[in-house]
N, C-alpha and C. Protein backbone atom coordinates (compact mmCIF):
# COMPACT_ATOMS: atom_id res chain seq x y z
N MET A 1 53.25 127.20 -37.36
CA MET A 1 54.32 128.09 -37.82
C MET A 1 54.26 128.20 -39.33
N SER A 2 54.31 129.43 -39.87
CA SER A 2 54.22 129.61 -41.32
C SER A 2 55.50 129.18 -41.99
N THR A 3 55.44 129.00 -43.31
CA THR A 3 56.62 128.61 -44.07
C THR A 3 57.72 129.66 -43.97
N ILE A 4 57.33 130.93 -44.01
CA ILE A 4 58.32 132.03 -43.92
C ILE A 4 59.00 132.02 -42.56
N THR A 5 58.19 131.82 -41.51
CA THR A 5 58.77 131.79 -40.15
C THR A 5 59.72 130.62 -39.99
N THR A 6 59.34 129.48 -40.53
CA THR A 6 60.19 128.29 -40.47
C THR A 6 61.52 128.53 -41.16
N ARG A 7 61.48 129.14 -42.34
CA ARG A 7 62.71 129.43 -43.09
C ARG A 7 63.61 130.40 -42.33
N LEU A 8 62.99 131.42 -41.74
CA LEU A 8 63.77 132.38 -40.96
C LEU A 8 64.45 131.71 -39.77
N ALA A 9 63.74 130.82 -39.10
CA ALA A 9 64.30 130.10 -37.95
C ALA A 9 65.48 129.24 -38.37
N ARG A 10 65.32 128.54 -39.51
CA ARG A 10 66.40 127.69 -40.01
C ARG A 10 67.62 128.52 -40.40
N THR A 11 67.40 129.68 -41.01
CA THR A 11 68.50 130.57 -41.40
C THR A 11 69.24 131.08 -40.18
N ALA A 12 68.50 131.47 -39.16
CA ALA A 12 69.12 131.96 -37.92
C ALA A 12 69.94 130.87 -37.25
N THR A 13 69.41 129.64 -37.23
CA THR A 13 70.13 128.51 -36.62
C THR A 13 71.42 128.22 -37.37
N ALA A 14 71.36 128.26 -38.70
CA ALA A 14 72.54 128.01 -39.51
C ALA A 14 73.59 129.09 -39.29
N ALA A 15 73.15 130.34 -39.22
CA ALA A 15 74.08 131.45 -38.98
C ALA A 15 74.75 131.32 -37.63
N LEU A 16 73.98 130.92 -36.61
CA LEU A 16 74.54 130.73 -35.27
C LEU A 16 75.57 129.61 -35.26
N ALA A 17 75.28 128.53 -35.97
CA ALA A 17 76.21 127.40 -36.04
C ALA A 17 77.50 127.82 -36.72
N THR A 18 77.38 128.59 -37.81
CA THR A 18 78.57 129.07 -38.53
C THR A 18 79.41 129.96 -37.64
N THR A 19 78.74 130.88 -36.92
CA THR A 19 79.46 131.77 -36.00
C THR A 19 80.19 130.99 -34.93
N SER A 20 79.55 129.95 -34.39
CA SER A 20 80.17 129.12 -33.34
C SER A 20 81.41 128.42 -33.86
N ILE A 21 81.34 127.92 -35.10
CA ILE A 21 82.48 127.23 -35.70
C ILE A 21 83.66 128.19 -35.83
N ILE A 22 83.37 129.44 -36.27
CA ILE A 22 84.42 130.44 -36.43
C ILE A 22 85.06 130.77 -35.08
N LEU A 23 84.24 130.95 -34.05
CA LEU A 23 84.75 131.30 -32.73
C LEU A 23 85.58 130.18 -32.12
N LEU A 24 85.23 128.92 -32.41
CA LEU A 24 85.93 127.78 -31.83
C LEU A 24 87.21 127.44 -32.58
N ALA A 25 87.35 127.95 -33.81
CA ALA A 25 88.53 127.63 -34.61
C ALA A 25 89.80 128.08 -33.91
N GLY A 26 90.79 127.22 -33.90
CA GLY A 26 92.08 127.55 -33.31
C GLY A 26 92.20 127.24 -31.83
N LEU A 27 91.13 126.81 -31.19
CA LEU A 27 91.19 126.48 -29.77
C LEU A 27 91.59 125.02 -29.59
N THR A 28 92.14 124.71 -28.42
CA THR A 28 92.47 123.32 -28.12
C THR A 28 91.17 122.54 -27.99
N PRO A 29 91.20 121.21 -28.19
CA PRO A 29 89.98 120.41 -28.04
C PRO A 29 89.32 120.59 -26.69
N ALA A 30 90.13 120.70 -25.62
CA ALA A 30 89.56 120.88 -24.28
C ALA A 30 88.84 122.22 -24.17
N ALA A 31 89.45 123.26 -24.75
CA ALA A 31 88.83 124.58 -24.71
C ALA A 31 87.55 124.60 -25.54
N GLN A 32 87.56 123.89 -26.68
CA GLN A 32 86.36 123.80 -27.51
C GLN A 32 85.23 123.12 -26.75
N ALA A 33 85.56 122.02 -26.07
CA ALA A 33 84.55 121.29 -25.31
C ALA A 33 83.97 122.16 -24.21
N GLU A 34 84.84 122.95 -23.56
CA GLU A 34 84.37 123.82 -22.49
C GLU A 34 83.43 124.90 -23.02
N GLU A 35 83.78 125.47 -24.20
CA GLU A 35 82.92 126.49 -24.80
C GLU A 35 81.56 125.92 -25.18
N ILE A 36 81.56 124.72 -25.77
CA ILE A 36 80.32 124.08 -26.17
C ILE A 36 79.46 123.77 -24.94
N GLY A 37 80.11 123.29 -23.87
CA GLY A 37 79.38 122.98 -22.64
C GLY A 37 78.76 124.21 -22.02
N ALA A 38 79.53 125.32 -22.00
CA ALA A 38 79.02 126.57 -21.43
C ALA A 38 77.84 127.09 -22.25
N ALA A 39 77.95 126.97 -23.58
CA ALA A 39 76.87 127.44 -24.44
C ALA A 39 75.61 126.61 -24.23
N ALA A 40 75.79 125.30 -24.02
CA ALA A 40 74.64 124.42 -23.81
C ALA A 40 73.91 124.76 -22.51
N LYS A 41 74.67 125.15 -21.49
CA LYS A 41 74.06 125.52 -20.21
C LYS A 41 73.42 126.89 -20.28
N GLY A 42 73.92 127.71 -21.22
CA GLY A 42 73.34 129.03 -21.40
C GLY A 42 73.65 130.00 -20.30
N SER A 43 74.73 129.76 -19.53
CA SER A 43 75.08 130.68 -18.46
C SER A 43 76.58 130.71 -18.26
N VAL A 44 77.04 131.82 -17.68
CA VAL A 44 78.46 131.97 -17.36
C VAL A 44 78.62 131.79 -15.86
N THR A 45 79.43 130.87 -15.46
CA THR A 45 79.63 130.59 -14.04
C THR A 45 81.07 130.87 -13.64
N ALA A 46 81.33 130.72 -12.35
CA ALA A 46 82.69 130.93 -11.86
C ALA A 46 83.66 129.96 -12.51
N ALA A 47 83.16 128.82 -12.95
CA ALA A 47 84.03 127.83 -13.60
C ALA A 47 84.56 128.35 -14.92
N ASN A 48 83.96 129.40 -15.46
CA ASN A 48 84.41 129.96 -16.73
C ASN A 48 85.17 131.26 -16.56
N THR A 49 85.56 131.58 -15.34
CA THR A 49 86.31 132.81 -15.09
C THR A 49 87.70 132.72 -15.71
N VAL A 50 88.10 133.79 -16.37
CA VAL A 50 89.43 133.85 -17.00
C VAL A 50 90.41 134.50 -16.02
N TYR A 51 91.58 133.88 -15.87
CA TYR A 51 92.65 134.50 -15.08
C TYR A 51 94.00 134.15 -15.69
N LEU A 52 95.03 134.88 -15.29
CA LEU A 52 96.39 134.63 -15.75
C LEU A 52 97.18 133.96 -14.63
N LYS A 53 98.12 133.12 -15.03
CA LYS A 53 98.98 132.44 -14.06
C LYS A 53 100.42 132.53 -14.54
N PHE A 54 101.31 132.99 -13.65
CA PHE A 54 102.72 133.11 -13.98
C PHE A 54 103.52 132.14 -13.14
N ASP A 55 104.10 131.14 -13.79
CA ASP A 55 104.94 130.14 -13.11
C ASP A 55 106.40 130.54 -13.25
N LYS A 56 107.01 130.94 -12.13
CA LYS A 56 108.40 131.35 -12.16
C LYS A 56 109.32 130.11 -12.17
N ASN A 57 110.26 130.12 -13.06
CA ASN A 57 111.24 129.05 -13.13
C ASN A 57 112.43 129.45 -12.26
N PRO A 58 112.61 128.81 -11.09
CA PRO A 58 113.66 129.24 -10.15
C PRO A 58 115.08 129.03 -10.68
N LYS A 59 115.26 128.12 -11.61
CA LYS A 59 116.59 127.88 -12.15
C LYS A 59 116.92 128.85 -13.28
N TYR A 60 115.95 129.09 -14.13
CA TYR A 60 116.12 130.03 -15.25
C TYR A 60 114.91 130.97 -15.31
N PRO A 61 114.96 132.11 -14.60
CA PRO A 61 113.82 133.03 -14.55
C PRO A 61 113.34 133.49 -15.92
N PHE A 62 114.27 133.53 -16.89
CA PHE A 62 113.90 133.98 -18.22
C PHE A 62 113.23 132.87 -19.04
N TYR A 63 113.06 131.69 -18.42
CA TYR A 63 112.31 130.59 -19.04
C TYR A 63 111.06 130.29 -18.21
N SER A 64 110.45 131.33 -17.68
CA SER A 64 109.22 131.16 -16.91
C SER A 64 108.04 131.09 -17.88
N LYS A 65 106.82 130.91 -17.34
CA LYS A 65 105.65 130.67 -18.19
C LYS A 65 104.45 131.47 -17.74
N LEU A 66 103.82 132.15 -18.68
CA LEU A 66 102.57 132.87 -18.44
C LEU A 66 101.45 132.10 -19.13
N SER A 67 100.43 131.73 -18.37
CA SER A 67 99.32 130.94 -18.90
C SER A 67 98.01 131.71 -18.82
N VAL A 68 97.15 131.45 -19.81
CA VAL A 68 95.78 131.95 -19.80
C VAL A 68 94.90 130.78 -19.40
N VAL A 69 94.15 130.94 -18.30
CA VAL A 69 93.31 129.87 -17.79
C VAL A 69 91.85 130.33 -17.76
N LYS A 70 90.98 129.48 -18.25
CA LYS A 70 89.55 129.76 -18.17
C LYS A 70 88.91 128.58 -17.46
N GLY A 71 88.34 128.83 -16.28
CA GLY A 71 87.84 127.73 -15.47
C GLY A 71 89.01 126.87 -15.03
N SER A 72 89.01 125.62 -15.45
CA SER A 72 90.12 124.71 -15.15
C SER A 72 90.91 124.36 -16.40
N THR A 73 90.65 125.07 -17.50
CA THR A 73 91.28 124.75 -18.77
C THR A 73 92.33 125.79 -19.14
N VAL A 74 93.53 125.31 -19.48
CA VAL A 74 94.59 126.20 -19.95
C VAL A 74 94.38 126.44 -21.45
N TRP A 75 94.19 127.68 -21.80
CA TRP A 75 93.92 128.03 -23.19
C TRP A 75 95.20 128.34 -23.96
N ALA A 76 96.21 128.85 -23.26
CA ALA A 76 97.47 129.20 -23.93
C ALA A 76 98.59 129.32 -22.92
N ASN A 77 99.80 129.00 -23.37
CA ASN A 77 101.01 129.17 -22.58
C ASN A 77 102.00 130.02 -23.37
N PHE A 78 102.64 130.96 -22.70
CA PHE A 78 103.62 131.82 -23.34
C PHE A 78 104.89 131.84 -22.50
N ARG A 79 106.03 131.81 -23.17
CA ARG A 79 107.28 131.99 -22.45
C ARG A 79 107.37 133.44 -21.99
N ALA A 80 107.87 133.64 -20.78
CA ALA A 80 108.00 134.99 -20.24
C ALA A 80 109.12 135.01 -19.21
N GLY A 81 109.60 136.18 -18.92
CA GLY A 81 110.62 136.35 -17.89
C GLY A 81 110.19 137.40 -16.89
N SER A 82 110.92 137.49 -15.77
CA SER A 82 110.61 138.51 -14.76
C SER A 82 111.86 138.84 -13.97
N GLY A 83 112.22 140.11 -13.98
CA GLY A 83 113.34 140.56 -13.19
C GLY A 83 114.70 140.15 -13.70
N ILE A 84 115.70 140.46 -12.90
CA ILE A 84 117.09 140.10 -13.20
C ILE A 84 117.63 139.18 -12.11
N THR A 85 117.02 139.27 -10.92
CA THR A 85 117.44 138.45 -9.79
C THR A 85 116.22 137.80 -9.14
N GLU A 86 116.43 136.70 -8.45
CA GLU A 86 115.34 136.00 -7.77
C GLU A 86 114.96 136.68 -6.45
N ASN A 87 115.73 137.66 -6.02
CA ASN A 87 115.41 138.40 -4.78
C ASN A 87 114.23 139.32 -5.07
N GLU A 88 113.04 138.91 -4.65
CA GLU A 88 111.82 139.64 -4.98
C GLU A 88 111.71 140.99 -4.29
N CYS A 89 112.55 141.25 -3.30
CA CYS A 89 112.50 142.53 -2.58
C CYS A 89 113.44 143.58 -3.19
N THR A 90 114.15 143.22 -4.24
CA THR A 90 115.05 144.16 -4.90
C THR A 90 114.28 145.01 -5.90
N THR A 91 114.08 146.27 -5.59
CA THR A 91 113.33 147.17 -6.46
C THR A 91 114.01 147.35 -7.81
N GLY A 92 113.23 147.22 -8.86
CA GLY A 92 113.77 147.44 -10.21
C GLY A 92 114.60 146.30 -10.75
N ARG A 93 114.73 145.22 -9.98
CA ARG A 93 115.55 144.09 -10.44
C ARG A 93 114.96 142.72 -10.09
N GLY A 94 114.29 142.64 -8.95
CA GLY A 94 113.79 141.35 -8.48
C GLY A 94 112.55 140.89 -9.23
N TRP A 95 112.38 139.57 -9.31
CA TRP A 95 111.19 139.07 -10.00
C TRP A 95 109.95 139.28 -9.14
N LEU A 96 108.79 139.05 -9.74
CA LEU A 96 107.53 139.33 -9.04
C LEU A 96 107.36 138.44 -7.82
N PRO A 97 106.94 139.03 -6.69
CA PRO A 97 106.62 138.22 -5.51
C PRO A 97 105.44 137.29 -5.80
N ASN A 98 105.43 136.14 -5.16
CA ASN A 98 104.29 135.22 -5.31
C ASN A 98 103.03 135.85 -4.73
N GLY A 99 101.89 135.38 -5.21
CA GLY A 99 100.61 135.87 -4.70
C GLY A 99 99.65 136.21 -5.81
N THR A 100 98.54 136.81 -5.44
CA THR A 100 97.50 137.18 -6.39
C THR A 100 97.51 138.69 -6.62
N TYR A 101 97.47 139.07 -7.88
CA TYR A 101 97.49 140.47 -8.28
C TYR A 101 96.17 140.82 -8.96
N THR A 102 95.81 142.07 -8.87
CA THR A 102 94.68 142.58 -9.64
C THR A 102 95.19 143.02 -11.01
N VAL A 103 94.52 142.57 -12.05
CA VAL A 103 94.88 142.99 -13.41
C VAL A 103 94.14 144.29 -13.70
N GLY A 104 94.88 145.33 -13.99
CA GLY A 104 94.30 146.63 -14.26
C GLY A 104 94.04 146.87 -15.73
N GLN A 105 94.23 148.10 -16.15
CA GLN A 105 93.96 148.46 -17.54
C GLN A 105 94.96 147.82 -18.48
N HIS A 106 94.54 147.61 -19.72
CA HIS A 106 95.44 147.12 -20.74
C HIS A 106 95.50 148.14 -21.88
N TYR A 107 96.67 148.26 -22.48
CA TYR A 107 96.92 149.28 -23.50
C TYR A 107 97.62 148.65 -24.71
N LYS A 108 97.33 149.21 -25.86
CA LYS A 108 98.05 148.82 -27.08
C LYS A 108 99.00 149.93 -27.53
N THR A 109 98.87 151.11 -26.94
CA THR A 109 99.73 152.24 -27.30
C THR A 109 100.23 152.95 -26.03
N TYR A 110 100.65 152.17 -25.05
CA TYR A 110 101.13 152.76 -23.79
C TYR A 110 102.37 153.60 -24.08
N ASN A 111 102.51 154.71 -23.36
CA ASN A 111 103.62 155.62 -23.65
C ASN A 111 104.37 156.01 -22.38
N GLY A 112 104.86 155.01 -21.65
CA GLY A 112 105.65 155.27 -20.46
C GLY A 112 107.09 155.57 -20.79
N ASP A 113 107.88 155.90 -19.77
CA ASP A 113 109.30 156.19 -19.99
C ASP A 113 110.07 154.94 -20.40
N LEU A 114 109.79 153.82 -19.72
CA LEU A 114 110.49 152.57 -20.01
C LEU A 114 109.65 151.62 -20.84
N ILE A 115 108.35 151.65 -20.64
CA ILE A 115 107.45 150.69 -21.31
C ILE A 115 106.60 151.42 -22.33
N LYS A 116 106.52 150.84 -23.53
CA LYS A 116 105.70 151.43 -24.58
C LYS A 116 104.97 150.32 -25.34
N GLY A 117 103.87 150.71 -25.98
CA GLY A 117 103.13 149.75 -26.80
C GLY A 117 102.17 148.91 -25.98
N TYR A 118 102.18 147.60 -26.23
CA TYR A 118 101.27 146.67 -25.56
C TYR A 118 101.70 146.50 -24.10
N ALA A 119 100.79 146.75 -23.19
CA ALA A 119 101.12 146.66 -21.77
C ALA A 119 99.86 146.40 -20.95
N ILE A 120 100.01 145.62 -19.88
CA ILE A 120 98.91 145.31 -18.95
C ILE A 120 99.36 145.72 -17.56
N ARG A 121 98.59 146.57 -16.92
CA ARG A 121 98.94 147.07 -15.59
C ARG A 121 98.59 146.04 -14.53
N LEU A 122 99.49 145.88 -13.55
CA LEU A 122 99.27 144.99 -12.41
C LEU A 122 99.27 145.80 -11.13
N SER A 123 98.59 145.28 -10.12
CA SER A 123 98.54 145.98 -8.84
C SER A 123 99.90 145.91 -8.14
N ASP A 124 100.10 146.81 -7.19
CA ASP A 124 101.32 146.80 -6.39
C ASP A 124 101.32 145.56 -5.48
N LYS A 125 102.52 145.19 -5.02
CA LYS A 125 102.61 143.98 -4.17
C LYS A 125 103.80 144.10 -3.23
N ARG A 126 103.58 143.73 -1.96
CA ARG A 126 104.69 143.67 -1.01
C ARG A 126 105.40 142.33 -1.14
N CYS A 127 106.71 142.37 -1.10
CA CYS A 127 107.50 141.14 -1.18
C CYS A 127 107.53 140.45 0.18
N ASN A 128 108.19 139.30 0.26
CA ASN A 128 108.39 138.57 1.51
C ASN A 128 107.07 138.27 2.21
N ASN A 129 106.14 137.68 1.44
CA ASN A 129 104.82 137.29 1.97
C ASN A 129 104.05 138.46 2.57
N GLY A 130 104.18 139.62 1.93
CA GLY A 130 103.42 140.78 2.36
C GLY A 130 104.03 141.59 3.47
N THR A 131 105.24 141.24 3.91
CA THR A 131 105.87 141.94 5.04
C THR A 131 107.03 142.84 4.61
N GLY A 132 107.42 142.72 3.35
CA GLY A 132 108.60 143.45 2.89
C GLY A 132 108.27 144.70 2.10
N ARG A 133 109.21 145.10 1.27
CA ARG A 133 109.11 146.32 0.49
C ARG A 133 107.95 146.25 -0.50
N LEU A 134 107.28 147.39 -0.71
CA LEU A 134 106.18 147.47 -1.66
C LEU A 134 106.75 147.61 -3.07
N ARG A 135 106.41 146.67 -3.93
CA ARG A 135 106.82 146.71 -5.33
C ARG A 135 105.75 147.43 -6.14
N THR A 136 106.15 148.42 -6.91
CA THR A 136 105.20 149.24 -7.66
C THR A 136 105.56 149.29 -9.13
N GLN A 137 104.70 149.95 -9.91
CA GLN A 137 104.92 150.11 -11.36
C GLN A 137 105.15 148.77 -12.04
N LEU A 138 104.25 147.84 -11.80
CA LEU A 138 104.36 146.49 -12.35
C LEU A 138 103.45 146.32 -13.56
N PHE A 139 103.99 145.69 -14.60
CA PHE A 139 103.27 145.49 -15.85
C PHE A 139 103.59 144.13 -16.45
N ILE A 140 102.78 143.72 -17.41
CA ILE A 140 103.14 142.69 -18.37
C ILE A 140 103.40 143.47 -19.66
N HIS A 141 104.59 143.31 -20.24
CA HIS A 141 104.94 144.14 -21.40
C HIS A 141 105.99 143.45 -22.26
N SER A 142 106.48 144.17 -23.26
CA SER A 142 107.50 143.65 -24.16
C SER A 142 108.51 144.75 -24.46
N GLU A 143 109.19 144.65 -25.59
CA GLU A 143 110.08 145.70 -26.07
C GLU A 143 109.56 146.14 -27.44
N MET A 144 109.11 147.38 -27.54
CA MET A 144 108.56 147.88 -28.80
C MET A 144 108.36 149.39 -28.71
N ASN A 145 108.03 149.98 -29.85
CA ASN A 145 107.64 151.39 -29.88
C ASN A 145 106.21 151.53 -29.42
N ARG A 146 105.77 152.76 -29.24
CA ARG A 146 104.41 153.01 -28.78
C ARG A 146 103.36 152.41 -29.73
N ASP A 147 103.65 152.42 -31.04
CA ASP A 147 102.68 151.90 -32.01
C ASP A 147 102.78 150.39 -32.22
N GLY A 148 103.61 149.71 -31.42
CA GLY A 148 103.73 148.26 -31.52
C GLY A 148 104.81 147.80 -32.47
N SER A 149 105.45 148.72 -33.16
CA SER A 149 106.51 148.34 -34.10
C SER A 149 107.83 148.18 -33.35
N GLN A 150 108.83 147.64 -34.03
CA GLN A 150 110.14 147.45 -33.45
C GLN A 150 111.01 148.68 -33.69
N GLY A 151 111.73 149.09 -32.65
CA GLY A 151 112.58 150.26 -32.75
C GLY A 151 114.01 149.91 -33.11
N SER A 152 114.90 150.86 -32.93
CA SER A 152 116.31 150.66 -33.30
C SER A 152 117.21 150.53 -32.08
N THR A 153 116.73 150.91 -30.90
CA THR A 153 117.55 150.81 -29.70
C THR A 153 117.22 149.51 -28.96
N GLU A 154 118.10 149.09 -28.08
CA GLU A 154 117.92 147.83 -27.35
C GLU A 154 116.60 147.81 -26.57
N ARG A 155 116.26 148.92 -25.95
CA ARG A 155 115.05 148.99 -25.14
C ARG A 155 113.78 148.87 -25.98
N ARG A 156 113.87 149.14 -27.26
CA ARG A 156 112.71 149.13 -28.14
C ARG A 156 112.75 148.02 -29.19
N LYS A 157 113.85 147.24 -29.20
CA LYS A 157 114.00 146.22 -30.25
C LYS A 157 114.28 144.86 -29.62
N TRP A 158 113.44 143.89 -29.94
CA TRP A 158 113.59 142.52 -29.44
C TRP A 158 114.46 141.75 -30.42
N THR A 159 115.67 141.38 -29.99
CA THR A 159 116.58 140.70 -30.90
C THR A 159 116.40 139.18 -30.89
N ASP A 160 115.97 138.63 -29.73
CA ASP A 160 115.73 137.19 -29.59
C ASP A 160 116.99 136.35 -29.83
N LYS A 161 118.15 136.96 -29.67
CA LYS A 161 119.40 136.23 -29.89
C LYS A 161 119.91 135.59 -28.61
N ASN A 162 119.40 136.04 -27.47
CA ASN A 162 119.82 135.48 -26.19
C ASN A 162 118.71 135.73 -25.18
N PRO A 163 118.80 135.12 -24.01
CA PRO A 163 117.72 135.28 -23.02
C PRO A 163 117.63 136.67 -22.41
N ASN A 164 118.60 137.55 -22.70
CA ASN A 164 118.58 138.87 -22.08
C ASN A 164 117.33 139.67 -22.38
N ASP A 165 116.71 139.43 -23.53
CA ASP A 165 115.48 140.15 -23.86
C ASP A 165 114.37 139.86 -22.87
N PHE A 166 114.39 138.69 -22.25
CA PHE A 166 113.35 138.32 -21.30
C PHE A 166 113.60 138.89 -19.90
N LEU A 167 114.79 139.42 -19.65
CA LEU A 167 115.08 140.02 -18.36
C LEU A 167 114.41 141.38 -18.27
N SER A 168 113.95 141.75 -17.07
CA SER A 168 113.21 143.00 -16.92
C SER A 168 113.59 143.69 -15.62
N ASN A 169 112.97 144.85 -15.39
CA ASN A 169 113.19 145.57 -14.14
C ASN A 169 112.25 145.09 -13.04
N GLY A 170 111.64 143.92 -13.24
CA GLY A 170 110.76 143.35 -12.23
C GLY A 170 109.39 143.01 -12.75
N CYS A 171 109.07 143.46 -13.95
CA CYS A 171 107.77 143.14 -14.56
C CYS A 171 107.81 141.76 -15.21
N ILE A 172 106.68 141.36 -15.80
CA ILE A 172 106.63 140.16 -16.64
C ILE A 172 106.87 140.61 -18.07
N LYS A 173 107.82 139.99 -18.73
CA LYS A 173 108.21 140.43 -20.07
C LYS A 173 108.02 139.29 -21.08
N MET A 174 107.41 139.64 -22.23
CA MET A 174 107.10 138.66 -23.27
C MET A 174 107.66 139.11 -24.61
N GLN A 175 107.74 138.17 -25.55
CA GLN A 175 108.11 138.52 -26.92
C GLN A 175 107.02 139.41 -27.52
N PRO A 176 107.38 140.32 -28.42
CA PRO A 176 106.39 141.23 -29.02
C PRO A 176 105.20 140.51 -29.67
N GLU A 177 105.48 139.52 -30.48
CA GLU A 177 104.37 138.83 -31.16
C GLU A 177 103.53 138.00 -30.19
N GLU A 178 104.16 137.53 -29.13
CA GLU A 178 103.43 136.74 -28.15
C GLU A 178 102.46 137.60 -27.34
N ILE A 179 102.88 138.80 -26.96
CA ILE A 179 101.97 139.65 -26.20
C ILE A 179 100.81 140.11 -27.08
N LYS A 180 101.06 140.25 -28.37
CA LYS A 180 99.97 140.60 -29.29
C LYS A 180 98.99 139.43 -29.42
N LYS A 181 99.51 138.20 -29.43
CA LYS A 181 98.63 137.02 -29.44
C LYS A 181 97.82 136.96 -28.15
N LEU A 182 98.46 137.28 -27.03
CA LEU A 182 97.77 137.30 -25.73
C LEU A 182 96.59 138.28 -25.77
N PHE A 183 96.82 139.46 -26.29
CA PHE A 183 95.76 140.46 -26.39
C PHE A 183 94.61 139.97 -27.26
N ARG A 184 94.95 139.36 -28.40
CA ARG A 184 93.89 138.88 -29.30
C ARG A 184 93.05 137.80 -28.63
N LEU A 185 93.71 136.91 -27.89
CA LEU A 185 92.99 135.85 -27.19
C LEU A 185 92.07 136.42 -26.11
N LEU A 186 92.59 137.34 -25.31
CA LEU A 186 91.80 137.91 -24.23
C LEU A 186 90.67 138.80 -24.75
N ASP A 187 90.90 139.44 -25.89
CA ASP A 187 89.81 140.21 -26.52
C ASP A 187 88.65 139.29 -26.88
N ARG A 188 88.99 138.03 -27.19
CA ARG A 188 87.97 137.08 -27.63
C ARG A 188 87.26 136.38 -26.47
N ILE A 189 88.02 135.95 -25.48
CA ILE A 189 87.40 135.13 -24.42
C ILE A 189 87.10 135.92 -23.15
N GLY A 190 87.58 137.16 -23.08
CA GLY A 190 87.33 137.97 -21.90
C GLY A 190 88.61 138.29 -21.15
N TRP A 191 88.68 139.50 -20.63
CA TRP A 191 89.88 139.92 -19.93
C TRP A 191 89.83 139.49 -18.46
N PRO A 192 90.95 139.01 -17.95
CA PRO A 192 91.00 138.54 -16.55
C PRO A 192 91.04 139.69 -15.57
N LYS A 193 90.64 139.40 -14.35
CA LYS A 193 90.71 140.38 -13.27
C LYS A 193 91.86 140.08 -12.32
N THR A 194 92.42 138.86 -12.42
CA THR A 194 93.50 138.48 -11.50
C THR A 194 94.64 137.79 -12.23
N LEU A 195 95.82 137.89 -11.62
CA LEU A 195 97.02 137.17 -12.02
C LEU A 195 97.54 136.43 -10.80
N LYS A 196 97.79 135.14 -10.95
CA LYS A 196 98.36 134.35 -9.86
C LYS A 196 99.82 134.06 -10.17
N VAL A 197 100.70 134.44 -9.25
CA VAL A 197 102.15 134.22 -9.43
C VAL A 197 102.59 133.13 -8.47
N VAL A 198 103.21 132.10 -9.02
CA VAL A 198 103.66 130.95 -8.21
C VAL A 198 105.09 130.58 -8.62
N SER A 199 105.73 129.76 -7.79
CA SER A 199 107.07 129.27 -8.13
C SER A 199 107.23 127.86 -7.59
């Protein structure tokens, strides 16, 4: 190997190491170890699949938890709420039925009638273990304007003064800055195809 080739190889290795350090910054030690292990194997396996998990808090639905999981490692936890009542068959008010959902498109400038800005579409789901009413128009979202800024009305402004902001018409609802963090994380590690809802 010539001197020039050797120098180029060393430069490339150093650049790769620097890039890896930047990508791993801010991750939990467990997540860092998983990334390093996956890189060493040089392949992506089912163990590295990213998915979302929503743990419903039966006592306080507005203190539920949305987690980002990659393989068997939890990368992040976010407080979230769902619905106004625990009756999952109540359209526009009940929390999400348990089960697995397909994660659809994600938007940063969604412009729906009720939902605007950052939003993640979820598949429809029948309540009561698949035998009840079909729940539709389900999202993970927050309260904001279409451009992600805070508005002046209650529906567009997150006050964070009481748990009411976490109550929704049946979707999963997050704080504005938290859903933006969720998007940044998923942009980096990969977007999930499924959401698991449990209680």
